[in-house]
Protein backbone atom coordinates (compact mmCIF):
# COMPACT_ATOMS: atom_id res chain seq x y z
CA MET A 1 118.34 88.96 70.88
CA THR A 2 119.68 92.26 72.18
CA THR A 3 123.10 92.20 73.76
CA ILE A 4 123.96 94.60 76.49
CA LYS A 5 127.72 93.80 76.65
CA ASP A 6 129.70 96.23 74.53
CA SER A 7 126.42 98.30 73.82
CA VAL A 8 126.17 102.02 74.05
CA VAL A 9 123.23 103.10 76.20
CA LEU A 10 121.46 106.34 77.03
CA VAL A 11 119.39 106.56 80.11
CA THR A 12 117.31 109.65 80.57
CA GLY A 13 116.83 110.52 84.27
CA GLY A 14 120.07 108.69 85.01
CA SER A 15 121.13 110.46 88.14
CA ARG A 16 118.80 108.94 90.67
CA GLY A 17 116.10 106.23 91.56
CA ILE A 18 115.57 103.78 88.90
CA GLY A 19 117.61 105.55 86.38
CA LYS A 20 120.75 105.43 88.58
CA ALA A 21 120.02 101.66 89.34
CA LEU A 22 119.96 101.13 85.60
CA VAL A 23 123.23 102.91 85.00
CA GLU A 24 124.90 100.66 87.60
CA GLU A 25 123.38 97.47 86.25
CA LEU A 26 124.41 98.35 82.67
CA PHE A 27 127.97 98.57 83.60
CA GLN A 28 127.74 95.40 85.57
CA ARG A 29 126.56 93.71 82.50
CA GLY A 30 129.47 95.16 80.44
CA ALA A 31 128.06 97.94 78.41
CA ALA A 32 130.82 99.85 76.70
CA LYS A 33 129.44 103.31 77.31
CA VAL A 34 126.47 104.79 79.29
CA TYR A 35 125.31 108.24 78.88
CA ALA A 36 123.31 109.27 82.03
CA THR A 37 121.25 112.42 81.44
CA ALA A 38 119.73 114.89 84.01
CA ARG A 39 118.67 118.54 83.95
CA ASP A 40 121.96 119.02 85.92
CA PRO A 41 124.54 116.58 84.79
CA ARG A 42 126.59 117.30 88.01
CA THR A 43 124.10 115.16 89.89
CA VAL A 44 125.15 112.03 87.96
CA THR A 45 127.37 110.21 90.37
CA HIS A 46 128.63 106.91 88.73
CA PRO A 47 132.32 107.39 88.01
CA ASP A 48 132.19 105.58 84.60
CA ALA A 49 129.04 107.22 83.22
CA ILE A 50 129.12 110.07 80.68
CA PRO A 51 126.98 112.92 82.23
CA LEU A 52 124.75 114.65 79.76
CA ARG A 53 122.52 117.76 80.29
CA LEU A 54 118.86 116.81 78.98
CA GLU A 55 115.59 118.52 79.50
CA VAL A 56 113.10 116.07 77.87
CA THR A 57 110.45 118.66 77.17
CA ASP A 58 113.01 120.91 75.25
CA GLU A 59 113.61 120.05 71.53
CA ASP A 60 116.84 122.07 71.44
CA SER A 61 118.16 120.29 74.57
CA ILE A 62 117.28 116.91 72.96
CA ALA A 63 118.97 117.80 69.68
CA ALA A 64 122.10 118.64 71.46
CA ALA A 65 122.26 115.49 73.45
CA ALA A 66 121.45 113.64 70.27
CA ALA A 67 124.47 115.19 68.49
CA VAL A 68 126.82 114.31 71.37
CA ALA A 69 125.48 110.84 71.81
CA SER A 70 125.30 109.78 68.17
CA ASP A 71 126.66 106.25 68.84
CA VAL A 72 123.76 105.17 71.15
CA THR A 73 122.43 101.54 70.40
CA ILE A 74 119.98 101.27 73.30
CA LEU A 75 117.74 104.20 74.52
CA ILE A 76 116.05 103.99 77.76
CA ASN A 77 113.29 106.60 78.52
CA ASN A 78 113.33 106.69 82.25
CA ALA A 79 112.91 110.33 83.03
CA GLY A 80 109.31 111.21 84.52
CA ALA A 81 107.47 113.55 86.60
CA ALA A 82 104.55 113.50 89.04
CA ALA A 83 103.24 116.86 89.75
CA GLY A 84 100.50 115.56 92.10
CA ALA A 85 97.93 117.71 90.10
CA SER A 86 94.29 117.44 90.61
CA TYR A 87 92.08 117.40 87.39
CA LEU A 88 89.47 119.77 88.93
CA GLU A 89 91.48 121.95 91.31
CA SER A 90 95.04 122.37 90.16
CA PRO A 91 96.22 124.87 87.44
CA LEU A 92 96.01 123.39 84.13
CA ALA A 93 99.75 123.94 83.77
CA ASP A 94 100.36 121.48 86.47
CA VAL A 95 98.05 119.01 84.68
CA ARG A 96 100.02 119.47 81.39
CA ARG A 97 103.38 119.07 83.19
CA ASP A 98 102.78 115.31 83.64
CA LEU A 99 101.82 114.81 79.94
CA GLU A 100 104.58 116.91 78.72
CA THR A 101 107.17 114.96 80.66
CA ASN A 102 105.87 111.47 80.66
CA PHE A 103 104.31 111.32 77.01
CA TYR A 104 105.62 113.92 74.87
CA GLY A 105 109.14 113.83 76.50
CA PRO A 106 109.83 110.18 75.57
CA LEU A 107 108.34 110.61 72.07
CA LEU A 108 110.72 113.63 71.34
CA VAL A 109 113.76 111.67 72.75
CA THR A 110 112.84 108.51 70.68
CA ARG A 111 112.15 110.54 67.61
CA ALA A 112 115.74 112.01 67.87
CA PHE A 113 117.55 108.66 68.50
CA VAL A 114 115.47 106.39 66.14
CA PRO A 115 118.23 106.70 63.35
CA VAL A 116 120.76 105.11 65.33
CA ILE A 117 119.22 102.76 68.19
CA LYS A 118 118.60 99.01 67.97
CA HIS A 119 116.40 98.81 71.20
CA LEU A 120 114.16 101.12 72.95
CA LEU A 121 112.85 100.72 76.57
CA ASN A 122 110.20 102.93 77.84
CA VAL A 123 109.47 103.06 81.59
CA HIS A 124 105.64 102.76 82.26
CA SER A 125 104.03 102.20 85.55
CA ALA A 126 101.24 99.86 87.14
CA LEU A 127 99.24 103.04 86.90
CA SER A 128 99.31 102.78 83.15
CA TRP A 129 96.49 100.33 83.88
CA LEU A 130 94.82 101.87 87.00
CA ALA A 131 93.75 105.54 87.26
CA ASP A 132 95.05 107.23 90.43
CA GLY A 133 92.74 110.02 90.15
CA GLY A 134 95.20 112.49 88.47
CA PRO A 135 97.07 113.23 85.33
CA TYR A 136 100.01 111.02 86.15
CA SER A 137 98.37 107.88 85.52
CA ALA A 138 96.73 109.34 82.43
CA SER A 139 100.28 110.29 81.12
CA LYS A 140 101.62 106.73 81.88
CA ALA A 141 98.48 105.12 80.21
CA ALA A 142 99.27 107.43 77.10
CA LEU A 143 102.83 106.44 77.19
CA TRP A 144 101.85 102.68 77.19
CA SER A 145 99.70 103.29 74.14
CA GLN A 146 102.67 105.27 72.41
CA THR A 147 104.82 102.30 73.07
CA ASN A 148 102.47 99.82 71.57
CA SER A 149 102.14 101.80 68.41
CA LEU A 150 106.01 102.49 68.18
CA ARG A 151 106.62 98.82 68.67
CA LEU A 152 104.58 98.23 65.53
CA GLN A 153 106.12 101.20 63.50
CA LEU A 154 109.80 100.58 64.55
CA ARG A 155 109.44 96.79 63.72
CA GLU A 156 110.30 97.36 60.06
CA ARG A 157 113.40 99.13 61.09
CA GLY A 158 114.53 96.24 63.17
CA ILE A 159 114.27 98.15 66.33
CA LYS A 160 113.04 96.10 69.43
CA VAL A 161 110.73 97.80 71.82
CA THR A 162 110.16 96.92 75.48
CA GLY A 163 107.77 98.48 78.13
CA LEU A 164 108.65 98.31 81.78
CA HIS A 165 105.83 98.29 84.31
CA VAL A 166 106.35 98.85 88.04
CA ALA A 167 104.50 99.99 91.07
CA TYR A 168 106.09 101.76 93.85
CA VAL A 169 109.92 101.64 94.06
CA ASP A 170 112.00 102.53 97.02
CA THR A 171 113.48 105.83 95.77
CA ASP A 172 113.49 109.46 97.16
CA MET A 173 110.38 110.13 94.88
CA THR A 174 108.33 107.69 97.11
CA ALA A 175 110.06 108.55 100.45
CA ARG A 176 106.69 109.80 101.86
CA ILE A 177 104.71 106.75 100.68
CA THR A 178 104.09 104.12 103.37
CA ALA A 179 102.90 101.33 100.77
CA PRO A 180 105.06 98.34 99.93
CA LYS A 181 107.97 99.01 97.70
CA VAL A 182 110.31 97.11 95.43
CA ASN A 183 113.96 97.69 95.35
CA ALA A 184 115.42 99.76 92.40
CA VAL A 185 118.18 97.31 91.88
CA ASP A 186 115.66 94.62 91.32
CA VAL A 187 113.67 96.71 88.97
CA ALA A 188 116.76 97.58 86.86
CA ALA A 189 117.88 93.91 86.68
CA ALA A 190 114.38 92.84 85.39
CA ALA A 191 114.28 95.76 82.98
CA LEU A 192 117.63 94.63 81.44
CA ASP A 193 116.64 91.09 81.43
CA GLY A 194 113.83 92.27 79.27
CA ILE A 195 115.90 94.06 76.84
CA GLU A 196 118.26 91.12 76.57
CA SER A 197 115.44 88.71 75.80
CA ASP A 198 113.65 91.20 73.54
CA ALA A 199 110.45 91.02 75.76
CA TYR A 200 107.66 93.14 74.72
CA GLU A 201 106.86 93.95 78.34
CA VAL A 202 108.32 93.57 81.74
CA LEU A 203 106.11 93.47 84.92
CA ALA A 204 108.71 94.04 87.52
CA ASP A 205 106.55 93.33 90.65
CA ASP A 206 103.47 91.53 91.96
CA VAL A 207 101.38 94.77 91.96
CA SER A 208 101.97 95.37 88.19
CA ARG A 209 101.06 91.72 87.44
CA GLN A 210 97.88 91.88 89.49
CA VAL A 211 96.68 95.13 87.94
CA LYS A 212 97.33 93.96 84.39
CA ALA A 213 95.47 90.53 85.14
CA GLY A 214 92.48 92.85 86.53
CA LEU A 215 91.92 94.42 83.17
CA ALA A 216 90.21 91.32 82.01
CA GLY A 217 87.69 91.55 84.70
CA ASP A 218 84.82 93.87 85.81
CA LEU A 219 85.81 97.36 86.47
CA THR A 220 84.78 97.12 90.15
CA LEU A 221 87.70 94.65 90.65
CA LEU A 222 90.23 97.64 89.91
CA TYR A 223 87.93 100.33 91.54
CA PRO A 224 86.17 98.72 94.47
CA GLN A 225 84.96 102.08 95.65
CA LEU A 226 82.45 101.87 92.84
CA THR A 227 80.50 99.26 94.93
CA ALA A 228 80.36 101.41 97.97
């Protein structure tokens, strides 16, 4: 079992949204040290967190962060991007942005911290299992596959791997979305429960549970528009 109390944790994207809630919950559970990363570390507001500059798509930035945070025992890959790109109409650079940030970013960060960590948590999405019409869901599906592969490869090193799936969370990123949302505090609590129980996956809300269950059925259950 993984113990958060007295652990040293690095949270990418730790200045807002789910990342900020994770940082707060980690301290509530007795983490000894929490590195909270952001492109601009001045946006990290928790008084006890250690702000750390990190751009997850920049290998030099990752190497610099890994050199500073060489005592990390738990890595949480939370940073992500949603460019809102269209496969057919957007510049290809916008399509690549989601993949660079949401797939390659966590991989690069994980590779840098594998020598020291004991547990890895990757933040996926309900959209890992449900295409939303753009590259964001493709990037999260790819990250889900990456996590499953890493879970097998890191097993021999004694590193536990947990994947977090969640739908809309009430953060500034979803401020314009009117669909039901879950509280970031509840998501953070579920994620850390998953780490402490060495869970393979955490499905943090009803939507994620419903979408995963739908994978076993006919495709039209997930995409009813196909029957129109």
